[in-house]
């Protein structure tokens, strides 16, 4: 599904889950599904809230490359933004992603994409999901897929979402 350079970086980032204690990422199958949804929908304006070390970002960026799209990814941690940027560069995907450091709620309120988002993935602080969505809502296209993670593992925090 991905060329060898991209897959090698993805595998290395995936392995971080066993090496660092602040590495929250999707399982491989979910990340692959995100990429497939972007490809199937021919999505070109993609938003990601919550980057961590960039595992899902790599998948979204690879799909965006295939659709002629671009990812705007929002992450609070400067350390993780730096790591994700390094991973995207190593994979040759940095030109398909703009990383935004800071609180996604504030960043989204101030940011206006060139084209309304037609795909959004929310995977950050679960109890803030409503606030992320509220900040994102004015920026979405009429045809937008909005995906959130952890609906079963964090059911209490996300039940109203």
Protein backbone atom coordinates (compact mmCIF):
# COMPACT_ATOMS: atom_id res chain seq x y z
CA UNK A 1 0.00 0.00 0.00
CA UNK A 2 2.94 2.35 0.70
CA UNK A 3 6.33 2.55 -0.93
CA UNK A 4 9.24 1.06 1.00
CA UNK A 5 10.64 4.37 2.29
CA UNK A 6 7.30 5.41 3.77
CA UNK A 7 6.60 1.93 5.17
CA UNK A 8 10.02 1.80 6.84
CA UNK A 9 9.36 5.09 8.64
CA UNK A 10 5.83 3.98 9.57
CA UNK A 11 7.21 0.75 11.05
CA UNK A 12 9.81 2.65 13.07
CA UNK A 13 7.21 5.09 14.42
CA UNK A 14 4.84 2.21 15.16
CA UNK A 15 7.58 0.57 17.25
CA UNK A 16 7.81 3.67 19.45
CA UNK A 17 4.73 2.46 21.33
CA UNK A 18 7.06 -0.04 23.03
CA UNK A 19 9.81 2.49 23.73
CA UNK A 20 8.27 5.69 25.11
CA UNK A 21 5.48 6.18 27.62
CA UNK A 22 3.89 9.21 25.96
CA UNK A 23 3.33 7.62 22.57
CA UNK A 24 -0.40 7.41 21.90
CA UNK A 25 -1.26 6.22 18.45
CA UNK A 26 -3.77 4.22 16.55
CA UNK A 27 -3.35 0.55 15.90
CA UNK A 28 -1.96 -0.21 12.44
CA UNK A 29 -5.35 -1.34 11.12
CA UNK A 30 -7.01 1.93 12.11
CA UNK A 31 -4.27 4.03 10.54
CA UNK A 32 -4.60 2.03 7.33
CA UNK A 33 -8.37 2.60 7.41
CA UNK A 34 -7.86 6.36 7.74
CA UNK A 35 -5.65 6.34 4.63
CA UNK A 36 -8.20 4.27 2.73
CA UNK A 37 -11.05 6.60 3.69
CA UNK A 38 -9.09 9.60 2.42
CA UNK A 39 -8.33 7.79 -0.84
CA UNK A 40 -11.87 6.50 -1.35
CA UNK A 41 -13.36 9.92 -0.67
CA UNK A 42 -10.73 11.63 -2.82
CA UNK A 43 -10.29 14.00 0.13
CA UNK A 44 -7.99 16.93 -0.47
CA UNK A 45 -8.34 19.12 2.62
CA UNK A 46 -7.59 17.06 5.70
CA UNK A 47 -7.51 18.02 9.37
CA UNK A 48 -5.93 15.97 12.14
CA UNK A 49 -6.36 16.96 15.78
CA UNK A 50 -3.74 15.16 17.87
CA UNK A 51 -0.52 14.12 16.15
CA UNK A 52 1.58 12.44 18.85
CA UNK A 53 4.70 11.19 17.05
CA UNK A 54 3.02 11.26 13.65
CA UNK A 55 1.93 7.68 12.98
CA UNK A 56 -1.57 8.51 11.75
CA UNK A 57 -0.18 11.69 10.19
CA UNK A 58 2.13 9.59 8.01
CA UNK A 59 -0.86 7.57 6.80
CA UNK A 60 -2.96 10.66 6.14
CA UNK A 61 -0.07 12.36 4.34
CA UNK A 62 0.58 9.34 2.12
CA UNK A 63 -3.10 9.28 1.19
CA UNK A 64 -3.10 13.07 0.64
CA UNK A 65 -0.17 12.66 -1.74
CA UNK A 66 -2.28 10.19 -3.73
CA UNK A 67 -5.33 12.49 -3.87
CA UNK A 68 -3.49 15.75 -4.43
CA UNK A 69 -4.44 16.84 -0.94
CA UNK A 70 -2.88 18.43 2.10
CA UNK A 71 -3.06 17.69 5.83
CA UNK A 72 -3.25 20.34 8.53
CA UNK A 73 -2.27 18.59 11.76
CA UNK A 74 -2.65 20.15 15.21
CA UNK A 75 -0.63 19.09 18.26
CA UNK A 76 -0.07 20.64 21.68
CA UNK A 77 3.39 19.17 22.34
CA UNK A 78 6.30 20.94 20.65
CA UNK A 79 8.43 17.83 21.28
CA UNK A 80 5.96 15.67 19.39
CA UNK A 81 5.61 18.22 16.57
CA UNK A 82 9.38 18.09 16.15
CA UNK A 83 9.42 14.29 16.08
CA UNK A 84 6.48 14.12 13.65
CA UNK A 85 8.18 16.63 11.37
CA UNK A 86 11.33 14.50 11.37
CA UNK A 87 9.32 11.37 10.53
CA UNK A 88 7.45 13.12 7.72
CA UNK A 89 10.74 14.42 6.31
CA UNK A 90 12.33 10.97 6.43
CA UNK A 91 9.30 9.54 4.61
CA UNK A 92 9.41 12.30 1.98
CA UNK A 93 5.93 13.49 2.94
CA UNK A 94 6.67 16.82 4.63
CA UNK A 95 5.32 18.86 1.71
CA UNK A 96 1.88 17.27 2.18
CA UNK A 97 1.51 18.34 5.82
CA UNK A 98 1.47 21.58 7.76
CA UNK A 99 2.04 20.99 11.47
CA UNK A 100 0.42 23.49 13.83
CA UNK A 101 1.81 23.65 17.37
CA UNK A 102 -0.45 24.68 20.22
CA UNK A 103 -3.92 24.09 21.57
CA UNK A 104 -6.00 22.83 18.65
CA UNK A 105 -9.10 24.62 19.89
CA UNK A 106 -7.36 27.99 19.65
CA UNK A 107 -5.37 27.13 16.53
CA UNK A 108 -8.51 26.03 14.66
CA UNK A 109 -10.42 29.14 15.67
CA UNK A 110 -7.68 31.34 14.16
CA UNK A 111 -6.90 29.16 11.14
CA UNK A 112 -8.85 29.08 7.90
CA UNK A 113 -7.90 26.42 5.37
CA UNK A 114 -7.63 27.42 1.70
CA UNK A 115 -10.33 24.84 1.00
CA UNK A 116 -12.85 23.67 3.62
CA UNK A 117 -11.89 20.37 5.25
CA UNK A 118 -13.44 17.34 3.59
CA UNK A 119 -11.89 14.91 6.09
CA UNK A 120 -11.22 15.40 9.79
CA UNK A 121 -9.70 13.05 12.33
CA UNK A 122 -10.05 13.96 16.01
CA UNK A 123 -7.75 12.00 18.29
CA UNK A 124 -6.66 14.21 21.17
CA UNK A 125 -7.87 14.87 24.73
CA UNK A 126 -11.16 13.00 24.80
CA UNK A 127 -12.95 15.32 27.20
CA UNK A 128 -12.22 18.20 24.80
CA UNK A 129 -13.71 16.49 21.73
CA UNK A 130 -16.79 18.74 21.70
CA UNK A 131 -14.58 21.83 21.83
CA UNK A 132 -12.40 20.51 18.99
CA UNK A 133 -15.50 19.83 16.92
CA UNK A 134 -16.96 23.26 17.68
CA UNK A 135 -13.73 24.92 16.51
CA UNK A 136 -13.59 22.68 13.45
CA UNK A 137 -17.24 22.92 12.39
CA UNK A 138 -17.07 26.32 10.62
CA UNK A 139 -14.09 25.02 8.60
CA UNK A 140 -15.68 21.88 7.14
CA UNK A 141 -17.08 21.26 3.68
CA UNK A 142 -20.67 20.17 3.13
CA UNK A 143 -19.25 16.76 2.29
CA UNK A 144 -16.90 16.02 5.18
CA UNK A 145 -16.07 12.75 6.90
CA UNK A 146 -15.43 13.36 10.60
CA UNK A 147 -13.76 10.51 12.44
CA UNK A 148 -12.96 10.30 16.14
CA UNK A 149 -10.92 7.63 17.85
CA UNK A 150 -11.38 5.68 21.06
CA UNK A 151 -15.18 5.59 21.14
CA UNK A 152 -15.08 2.21 22.87
CA UNK A 153 -11.93 2.55 24.99
CA UNK A 154 -12.94 6.02 26.24
CA UNK A 155 -16.70 5.58 26.08
CA UNK A 156 -17.44 7.64 29.20
CA UNK A 157 -15.53 10.68 27.96
CA UNK A 158 -17.02 10.43 24.46
CA UNK A 159 -20.57 9.23 25.11
CA UNK A 160 -22.15 12.64 24.45
CA UNK A 161 -19.91 13.25 21.46
